[in-house]
Amino acid sequence: MKTPEAEGAPRLDVSREELEALLEQARQEPLPDDGYQKLRAAIRTLHYVTELLEKKETTLRNKSVRCKIDELPTNA
């Protein structure tokens, strides 16, 4: 399993708020290319982390996944 960066996807730093704003924008109108790229990167990262967790190659406590359980959204 390759990381998103190894597959040619550049690293993008995007806040949760920015991703949610892009999602809302996508409801109203087509996204500009940079918005599309940010959502695509987020989806690839989510997929990669999900695969790691399913294969038990990491845990949410591992430093390679920078997300605390209490920071995960509960209204998803």
PDB file of N, CA and C in Angstrom:
ATOM      1  N   MET A   1       0.847  -1.174   0.000  1.00  0.00           N
ATOM      2  CA  MET A   1       0.000   0.000   0.000  1.00  0.00           C
ATOM      3  C   MET A   1       0.889   1.232   0.000  1.00  0.00           C
ATOM      4  N   LYS A   2       0.639   2.102  -0.936  1.00  0.00           N
ATOM      5  CA  LYS A   2       1.428   3.327  -1.064  1.00  0.00           C
ATOM      6  C   LYS A   2       0.712   4.486  -0.376  1.00  0.00           C
ATOM      7  N   THR A   3       1.519   5.388   0.153  1.00  0.00           N
ATOM      8  CA  THR A   3       0.936   6.607   0.705  1.00  0.00           C
ATOM      9  C   THR A   3       0.402   7.449  -0.445  1.00  0.00           C
ATOM     10  N   PRO A   4      -0.523   8.362  -0.159  1.00  0.00           N
ATOM     11  CA  PRO A   4      -1.010   9.243  -1.230  1.00  0.00           C
ATOM     12  C   PRO A   4       0.127  10.012  -1.911  1.00  0.00           C
ATOM     13  N   GLU A   5       1.146  10.413  -1.142  1.00  0.00           N
ATOM     14  CA  GLU A   5       2.273  11.132  -1.728  1.00  0.00           C
ATOM     15  C   GLU A   5       3.077  10.238  -2.662  1.00  0.00           C
ATOM     16  N   ALA A   6       3.216   8.952  -2.302  1.00  0.00           N
ATOM     17  CA  ALA A   6       3.957   8.022  -3.156  1.00  0.00           C
ATOM     18  C   ALA A   6       3.235   7.776  -4.471  1.00  0.00           C
ATOM     19  N   GLU A   7       1.932   7.980  -4.489  1.00  0.00           N
ATOM     20  CA  GLU A   7       1.151   7.793  -5.709  1.00  0.00           C
ATOM     21  C   GLU A   7       1.151   9.052  -6.574  1.00  0.00           C
ATOM     22  N   GLY A   8       1.945  10.031  -6.190  1.00  0.00           N
ATOM     23  CA  GLY A   8       2.044  11.241  -7.002  1.00  0.00           C
ATOM     24  C   GLY A   8       1.167  12.375  -6.530  1.00  0.00           C
ATOM     25  N   ALA A   9       0.445  12.183  -5.448  1.00  0.00           N
ATOM     26  CA  ALA A   9      -0.402  13.246  -4.919  1.00  0.00           C
ATOM     27  C   ALA A   9       0.433  14.107  -3.972  1.00  0.00           C
ATOM     28  N   PRO A  10       0.553  15.395  -4.245  1.00  0.00           N
ATOM     29  CA  PRO A  10       1.346  16.244  -3.351  1.00  0.00           C
ATOM     30  C   PRO A  10       0.639  16.442  -2.013  1.00  0.00           C
ATOM     31  N   ARG A  11       1.421  16.700  -0.986  1.00  0.00           N
ATOM     32  CA  ARG A  11       0.847  16.962   0.334  1.00  0.00           C
ATOM     33  C   ARG A  11       0.176  18.330   0.329  1.00  0.00           C
ATOM     34  N   LEU A  12      -1.034  18.384   0.830  1.00  0.00           N
ATOM     35  CA  LEU A  12      -1.774  19.637   0.944  1.00  0.00           C
ATOM     36  C   LEU A  12      -2.203  19.804   2.395  1.00  0.00           C
ATOM     37  N   ASP A  13      -1.943  20.948   2.970  1.00  0.00           N
ATOM     38  CA  ASP A  13      -2.409  21.238   4.321  1.00  0.00           C
ATOM     39  C   ASP A  13      -3.738  21.970   4.215  1.00  0.00           C
ATOM     40  N   VAL A  14      -4.786  21.312   4.684  1.00  0.00           N
ATOM     41  CA  VAL A  14      -6.138  21.855   4.578  1.00  0.00           C
ATOM     42  C   VAL A  14      -6.822  21.660   5.916  1.00  0.00           C
ATOM     43  N   SER A  15      -7.439  22.698   6.436  1.00  0.00           N
ATOM     44  CA  SER A  15      -8.152  22.580   7.707  1.00  0.00           C
ATOM     45  C   SER A  15      -9.502  21.894   7.495  1.00  0.00           C
ATOM     46  N   ARG A  16     -10.030  21.378   8.581  1.00  0.00           N
ATOM     47  CA  ARG A  16     -11.357  20.758   8.521  1.00  0.00           C
ATOM     48  C   ARG A  16     -12.407  21.776   8.082  1.00  0.00           C
ATOM     49  N   GLU A  17     -12.273  22.997   8.582  1.00  0.00           N
ATOM     50  CA  GLU A  17     -13.230  24.045   8.225  1.00  0.00           C
ATOM     51  C   GLU A  17     -13.201  24.328   6.728  1.00  0.00           C
ATOM     52  N   GLU A  18     -11.987  24.344   6.156  1.00  0.00           N
ATOM     53  CA  GLU A  18     -11.871  24.599   4.718  1.00  0.00           C
ATOM     54  C   GLU A  18     -12.494  23.460   3.910  1.00  0.00           C
ATOM     55  N   LEU A  19     -12.284  22.223   4.367  1.00  0.00           N
ATOM     56  CA  LEU A  19     -12.891  21.083   3.661  1.00  0.00           C
ATOM     57  C   LEU A  19     -14.409  21.138   3.741  1.00  0.00           C
ATOM     58  N   GLU A  20     -14.929  21.499   4.900  1.00  0.00           N
ATOM     59  CA  GLU A  20     -16.390  21.593   5.030  1.00  0.00           C
ATOM     60  C   GLU A  20     -16.953  22.714   4.172  1.00  0.00           C
ATOM     61  N   ALA A  21     -16.223  23.825   4.068  1.00  0.00           N
ATOM     62  CA  ALA A  21     -16.655  24.920   3.207  1.00  0.00           C
ATOM     63  C   ALA A  21     -16.649  24.493   1.739  1.00  0.00           C
ATOM     64  N   LEU A  22     -15.628  23.735   1.344  1.00  0.00           N
ATOM     65  CA  LEU A  22     -15.578  23.226  -0.033  1.00  0.00           C
ATOM     66  C   LEU A  22     -16.745  22.278  -0.299  1.00  0.00           C
ATOM     67  N   LEU A  23     -17.059  21.460   0.664  1.00  0.00           N
ATOM     68  CA  LEU A  23     -18.177  20.534   0.503  1.00  0.00           C
ATOM     69  C   LEU A  23     -19.488  21.296   0.311  1.00  0.00           C
ATOM     70  N   GLU A  24     -19.691  22.330   1.105  1.00  0.00           N
ATOM     71  CA  GLU A  24     -20.892  23.152   0.953  1.00  0.00           C
ATOM     72  C   GLU A  24     -20.903  23.853  -0.402  1.00  0.00           C
ATOM     73  N   GLN A  25     -19.751  24.333  -0.827  1.00  0.00           N
ATOM     74  CA  GLN A  25     -19.662  24.994  -2.131  1.00  0.00           C
ATOM     75  C   GLN A  25     -20.028  24.027  -3.250  1.00  0.00           C
ATOM     76  N   ALA A  26     -19.605  22.772  -3.106  1.00  0.00           N
ATOM     77  CA  ALA A  26     -19.884  21.765  -4.137  1.00  0.00           C
ATOM     78  C   ALA A  26     -21.385  21.505  -4.272  1.00  0.00           C
ATOM     79  N   ARG A  27     -22.142  21.761  -3.236  1.00  0.00           N
ATOM     80  CA  ARG A  27     -23.606  21.621  -3.325  1.00  0.00           C
ATOM     81  C   ARG A  27     -24.212  22.676  -4.243  1.00  0.00           C
ATOM     82  N   GLN A  28     -23.587  23.839  -4.266  1.00  0.00           N
ATOM     83  CA  GLN A  28     -24.134  24.979  -4.975  1.00  0.00           C
ATOM     84  C   GLN A  28     -23.651  25.108  -6.414  1.00  0.00           C
ATOM     85  N   GLU A  29     -22.380  24.774  -6.631  1.00  0.00           N
ATOM     86  CA  GLU A  29     -21.762  25.022  -7.938  1.00  0.00           C
ATOM     87  C   GLU A  29     -20.547  24.113  -8.103  1.00  0.00           C
ATOM     88  N   PRO A  30     -20.072  23.959  -9.323  1.00  0.00           N
ATOM     89  CA  PRO A  30     -18.858  23.157  -9.522  1.00  0.00           C
ATOM     90  C   PRO A  30     -17.672  23.799  -8.794  1.00  0.00           C
ATOM     91  N   LEU A  31     -16.816  22.952  -8.264  1.00  0.00           N
ATOM     92  CA  LEU A  31     -15.634  23.450  -7.562  1.00  0.00           C
ATOM     93  C   LEU A  31     -14.561  23.905  -8.540  1.00  0.00           C
ATOM     94  N   PRO A  32     -13.797  24.932  -8.154  1.00  0.00           N
ATOM     95  CA  PRO A  32     -12.620  25.277  -8.954  1.00  0.00           C
ATOM     96  C   PRO A  32     -11.592  24.154  -8.793  1.00  0.00           C
ATOM     97  N   ASP A  33     -10.609  24.121  -9.666  1.00  0.00           N
ATOM     98  CA  ASP A  33      -9.640  23.032  -9.663  1.00  0.00           C
ATOM     99  C   ASP A  33      -8.929  22.877  -8.328  1.00  0.00           C
ATOM    100  N   ASP A  34      -8.537  23.982  -7.684  1.00  0.00           N
ATOM    101  CA  ASP A  34      -7.821  23.847  -6.407  1.00  0.00           C
ATOM    102  C   ASP A  34      -8.722  23.258  -5.330  1.00  0.00           C
ATOM    103  N   GLY A  35     -10.000  23.596  -5.337  1.00  0.00           N
ATOM    104  CA  GLY A  35     -10.948  22.999  -4.389  1.00  0.00           C
ATOM    105  C   GLY A  35     -11.121  21.511  -4.636  1.00  0.00           C
ATOM    106  N   TYR A  36     -11.210  21.148  -5.896  1.00  0.00           N
ATOM    107  CA  TYR A  36     -11.317  19.735  -6.269  1.00  0.00           C
ATOM    108  C   TYR A  36     -10.094  18.972  -5.789  1.00  0.00           C
ATOM    109  N   GLN A  37      -8.906  19.529  -6.003  1.00  0.00           N
ATOM    110  CA  GLN A  37      -7.665  18.862  -5.607  1.00  0.00           C
ATOM    111  C   GLN A  37      -7.598  18.673  -4.093  1.00  0.00           C
ATOM    112  N   LYS A  38      -8.065  19.649  -3.336  1.00  0.00           N
ATOM    113  CA  LYS A  38      -8.060  19.533  -1.877  1.00  0.00           C
ATOM    114  C   LYS A  38      -9.007  18.438  -1.403  1.00  0.00           C
ATOM    115  N   LEU A  39     -10.210  18.389  -1.966  1.00  0.00           N
ATOM    116  CA  LEU A  39     -11.145  17.327  -1.582  1.00  0.00           C
ATOM    117  C   LEU A  39     -10.625  15.962  -1.998  1.00  0.00           C
ATOM    118  N   ARG A  40     -10.026  15.886  -3.164  1.00  0.00           N
ATOM    119  CA  ARG A  40      -9.458  14.627  -3.644  1.00  0.00           C
ATOM    120  C   ARG A  40      -8.346  14.146  -2.715  1.00  0.00           C
ATOM    121  N   ALA A  41      -7.476  15.052  -2.289  1.00  0.00           N
ATOM    122  CA  ALA A  41      -6.400  14.703  -1.374  1.00  0.00           C
ATOM    123  C   ALA A  41      -6.952  14.214  -0.030  1.00  0.00           C
ATOM    124  N   ALA A  42      -7.994  14.862   0.456  1.00  0.00           N
ATOM    125  CA  ALA A  42      -8.601  14.452   1.721  1.00  0.00           C
ATOM    126  C   ALA A  42      -9.210  13.057   1.604  1.00  0.00           C
ATOM    127  N   ILE A  43      -9.868  12.780   0.498  1.00  0.00           N
ATOM    128  CA  ILE A  43     -10.470  11.458   0.282  1.00  0.00           C
ATOM    129  C   ILE A  43      -9.398  10.390   0.192  1.00  0.00           C
ATOM    130  N   ARG A  44      -8.314  10.666  -0.524  1.00  0.00           N
ATOM    131  CA  ARG A  44      -7.216   9.699  -0.637  1.00  0.00           C
ATOM    132  C   ARG A  44      -6.579   9.429   0.731  1.00  0.00           C
ATOM    133  N   THR A  45      -6.405  10.488   1.512  1.00  0.00           N
ATOM    134  CA  THR A  45      -5.815  10.324   2.834  1.00  0.00           C
ATOM    135  C   THR A  45      -6.727   9.505   3.737  1.00  0.00           C
ATOM    136  N   LEU A  46      -8.014   9.786   3.703  1.00  0.00           N
ATOM    137  CA  LEU A  46      -8.969   9.021   4.495  1.00  0.00           C
ATOM    138  C   LEU A  46      -8.938   7.552   4.098  1.00  0.00           C
ATOM    139  N   HIS A  47      -8.883   7.291   2.812  1.00  0.00           N
ATOM    140  CA  HIS A  47      -8.822   5.921   2.323  1.00  0.00           C
ATOM    141  C   HIS A  47      -7.547   5.225   2.813  1.00  0.00           C
ATOM    142  N   TYR A  48      -6.421   5.919   2.729  1.00  0.00           N
ATOM    143  CA  TYR A  48      -5.139   5.361   3.156  1.00  0.00           C
ATOM    144  C   TYR A  48      -5.153   5.037   4.659  1.00  0.00           C
ATOM    145  N   VAL A  49      -5.628   5.962   5.474  1.00  0.00           N
ATOM    146  CA  VAL A  49      -5.676   5.742   6.922  1.00  0.00           C
ATOM    147  C   VAL A  49      -6.639   4.603   7.249  1.00  0.00           C
ATOM    148  N   THR A  50      -7.763   4.546   6.559  1.00  0.00           N
ATOM    149  CA  THR A  50      -8.721   3.457   6.775  1.00  0.00           C
ATOM    150  C   THR A  50      -8.084   2.107   6.471  1.00  0.00           C
ATOM    151  N   GLU A  51      -7.347   2.028   5.363  1.00  0.00           N
ATOM    152  CA  GLU A  51      -6.671   0.767   5.025  1.00  0.00           C
ATOM    153  C   GLU A  51      -5.641   0.394   6.084  1.00  0.00           C
ATOM    154  N   LEU A  52      -4.875   1.360   6.571  1.00  0.00           N
ATOM    155  CA  LEU A  52      -3.903   1.073   7.621  1.00  0.00           C
ATOM    156  C   LEU A  52      -4.587   0.513   8.863  1.00  0.00           C
ATOM    157  N   LEU A  53      -5.689   1.121   9.248  1.00  0.00           N
ATOM    158  CA  LEU A  53      -6.403   0.665  10.436  1.00  0.00           C
ATOM    159  C   LEU A  53      -7.005  -0.722  10.227  1.00  0.00           C
ATOM    160  N   GLU A  54      -7.556  -0.968   9.041  1.00  0.00           N
ATOM    161  CA  GLU A  54      -8.150  -2.276   8.759  1.00  0.00           C
ATOM    162  C   GLU A  54      -7.097  -3.378   8.759  1.00  0.00           C
ATOM    163  N   LYS A  55      -5.895  -3.062   8.280  1.00  0.00           N
ATOM    164  CA  LYS A  55      -4.820  -4.052   8.236  1.00  0.00           C
ATOM    165  C   LYS A  55      -4.031  -4.078   9.542  1.00  0.00           C
ATOM    166  N   LYS A  56      -4.460  -3.262  10.479  1.00  0.00           N
ATOM    167  CA  LYS A  56      -3.837  -3.178  11.794  1.00  0.00           C
ATOM    168  C   LYS A  56      -2.362  -2.831  11.716  1.00  0.00           C
ATOM    169  N   GLU A  57      -2.007  -2.007  10.734  1.00  0.00           N
ATOM    170  CA  GLU A  57      -0.631  -1.549  10.603  1.00  0.00           C
ATOM    171  C   GLU A  57      -0.379  -0.300  11.447  1.00  0.00           C
ATOM    172  N   THR A  58      -1.434   0.274  11.992  1.00  0.00           N
ATOM    173  CA  THR A  58      -1.286   1.439  12.852  1.00  0.00           C
ATOM    174  C   THR A  58      -2.509   1.536  13.745  1.00  0.00           C
ATOM    175  N   THR A  59      -2.453   2.414  14.706  1.00  0.00           N
ATOM    176  CA  THR A  59      -3.598   2.697  15.566  1.00  0.00           C
ATOM    177  C   THR A  59      -3.789   4.202  15.588  1.00  0.00           C
ATOM    178  N   LEU A  60      -4.880   4.641  16.147  1.00  0.00           N
ATOM    179  CA  LEU A  60      -5.110   6.077  16.255  1.00  0.00           C
ATOM    180  C   LEU A  60      -4.182   6.714  17.285  1.00  0.00           C
ATOM    181  N   ARG A  61      -3.538   5.901  18.108  1.00  0.00           N
ATOM    182  CA  ARG A  61      -2.587   6.420  19.085  1.00  0.00           C
ATOM    183  C   ARG A  61      -1.190   6.548  18.504  1.00  0.00           C
ATOM    184  N   ASN A  62      -0.960   5.966  17.353  1.00  0.00           N
ATOM    185  CA  ASN A  62       0.335   6.009  16.682  1.00  0.00           C
ATOM    186  C   ASN A  62       0.614   7.439  16.221  1.00  0.00           C
ATOM    187  N   LYS A  63       1.854   7.881  16.307  1.00  0.00           N
ATOM    188  CA  LYS A  63       2.188   9.249  15.905  1.00  0.00           C
ATOM    189  C   LYS A  63       1.980   9.485  14.414  1.00  0.00           C
ATOM    190  N   SER A  64       1.919   8.416  13.608  1.00  0.00           N
ATOM    191  CA  SER A  64       1.747   8.621  12.176  1.00  0.00           C
ATOM    192  C   SER A  64       0.327   9.058  11.827  1.00  0.00           C
ATOM    193  N   VAL A  65      -0.593   8.911  12.747  1.00  0.00           N
ATOM    194  CA  VAL A  65      -1.967   9.374  12.544  1.00  0.00           C
ATOM    195  C   VAL A  65      -2.217  10.445  13.586  1.00  0.00           C
ATOM    196  N   ARG A  66      -2.251  11.690  13.168  1.00  0.00           N
ATOM    197  CA  ARG A  66      -2.349  12.814  14.098  1.00  0.00           C
ATOM    198  C   ARG A  66      -3.797  13.202  14.333  1.00  0.00           C
ATOM    199  N   CYS A  67      -4.499  12.331  14.997  1.00  0.00           N
ATOM    200  CA  CYS A  67      -5.909  12.595  15.265  1.00  0.00           C
ATOM    201  C   CYS A  67      -6.248  11.963  16.599  1.00  0.00           C
ATOM    202  N   LYS A  68      -6.805  12.744  17.508  1.00  0.00           N
ATOM    203  CA  LYS A  68      -7.222  12.202  18.785  1.00  0.00           C
ATOM    204  C   LYS A  68      -8.686  11.807  18.688  1.00  0.00           C
ATOM    205  N   ILE A  69      -9.044  10.749  19.389  1.00  0.00           N
ATOM    206  CA  ILE A  69     -10.427  10.268  19.365  1.00  0.00           C
ATOM    207  C   ILE A  69     -11.407  11.384  19.730  1.00  0.00           C
ATOM    208  N   ASP A  70     -11.098  12.181  20.726  1.00  0.00           N
ATOM    209  CA  ASP A  70     -12.029  13.218  21.163  1.00  0.00           C
ATOM    210  C   ASP A  70     -12.108  14.386  20.184  1.00  0.00           C
ATOM    211  N   GLU A  71     -11.253  14.403  19.155  1.00  0.00           N
ATOM    212  CA  GLU A  71     -11.322  15.460  18.147  1.00  0.00           C
ATOM    213  C   GLU A  71     -12.133  15.040  16.935  1.00  0.00           C
ATOM    214  N   LEU A  72     -12.509  13.763  16.858  1.00  0.00           N
ATOM    215  CA  LEU A  72     -13.284  13.303  15.719  1.00  0.00           C
ATOM    216  C   LEU A  72     -14.698  13.870  15.790  1.00  0.00           C
ATOM    217  N   PRO A  73     -15.276  14.271  14.667  1.00  0.00           N
ATOM    218  CA  PRO A  73     -16.633  14.823  14.692  1.00  0.00           C
ATOM    219  C   PRO A  73     -17.637  13.755  15.076  1.00  0.00           C
ATOM    220  N   THR A  74     -18.620  14.146  15.882  1.00  0.00           N
ATOM    221  CA  THR A  74     -19.630  13.193  16.307  1.00  0.00           C
ATOM    222  C   THR A  74     -20.929  13.347  15.545  1.00  0.00           C
ATOM    223  N   ASN A  75     -21.051  14.401  14.765  1.00  0.00           N
ATOM    224  CA  ASN A  75     -22.295  14.648  14.034  1.00  0.00           C
ATOM    225  C   ASN A  75     -22.185  14.304  12.567  1.00  0.00           C
ATOM    226  N   ALA A  76     -21.251  13.409  12.216  1.00  0.00           N
ATOM    227  CA  ALA A  76     -21.036  13.065  10.809  1.00  0.00           C
ATOM    228  C   ALA A  76     -22.095  12.171  10.265  1.00  0.00           C
TER     229      ALA A  76
END
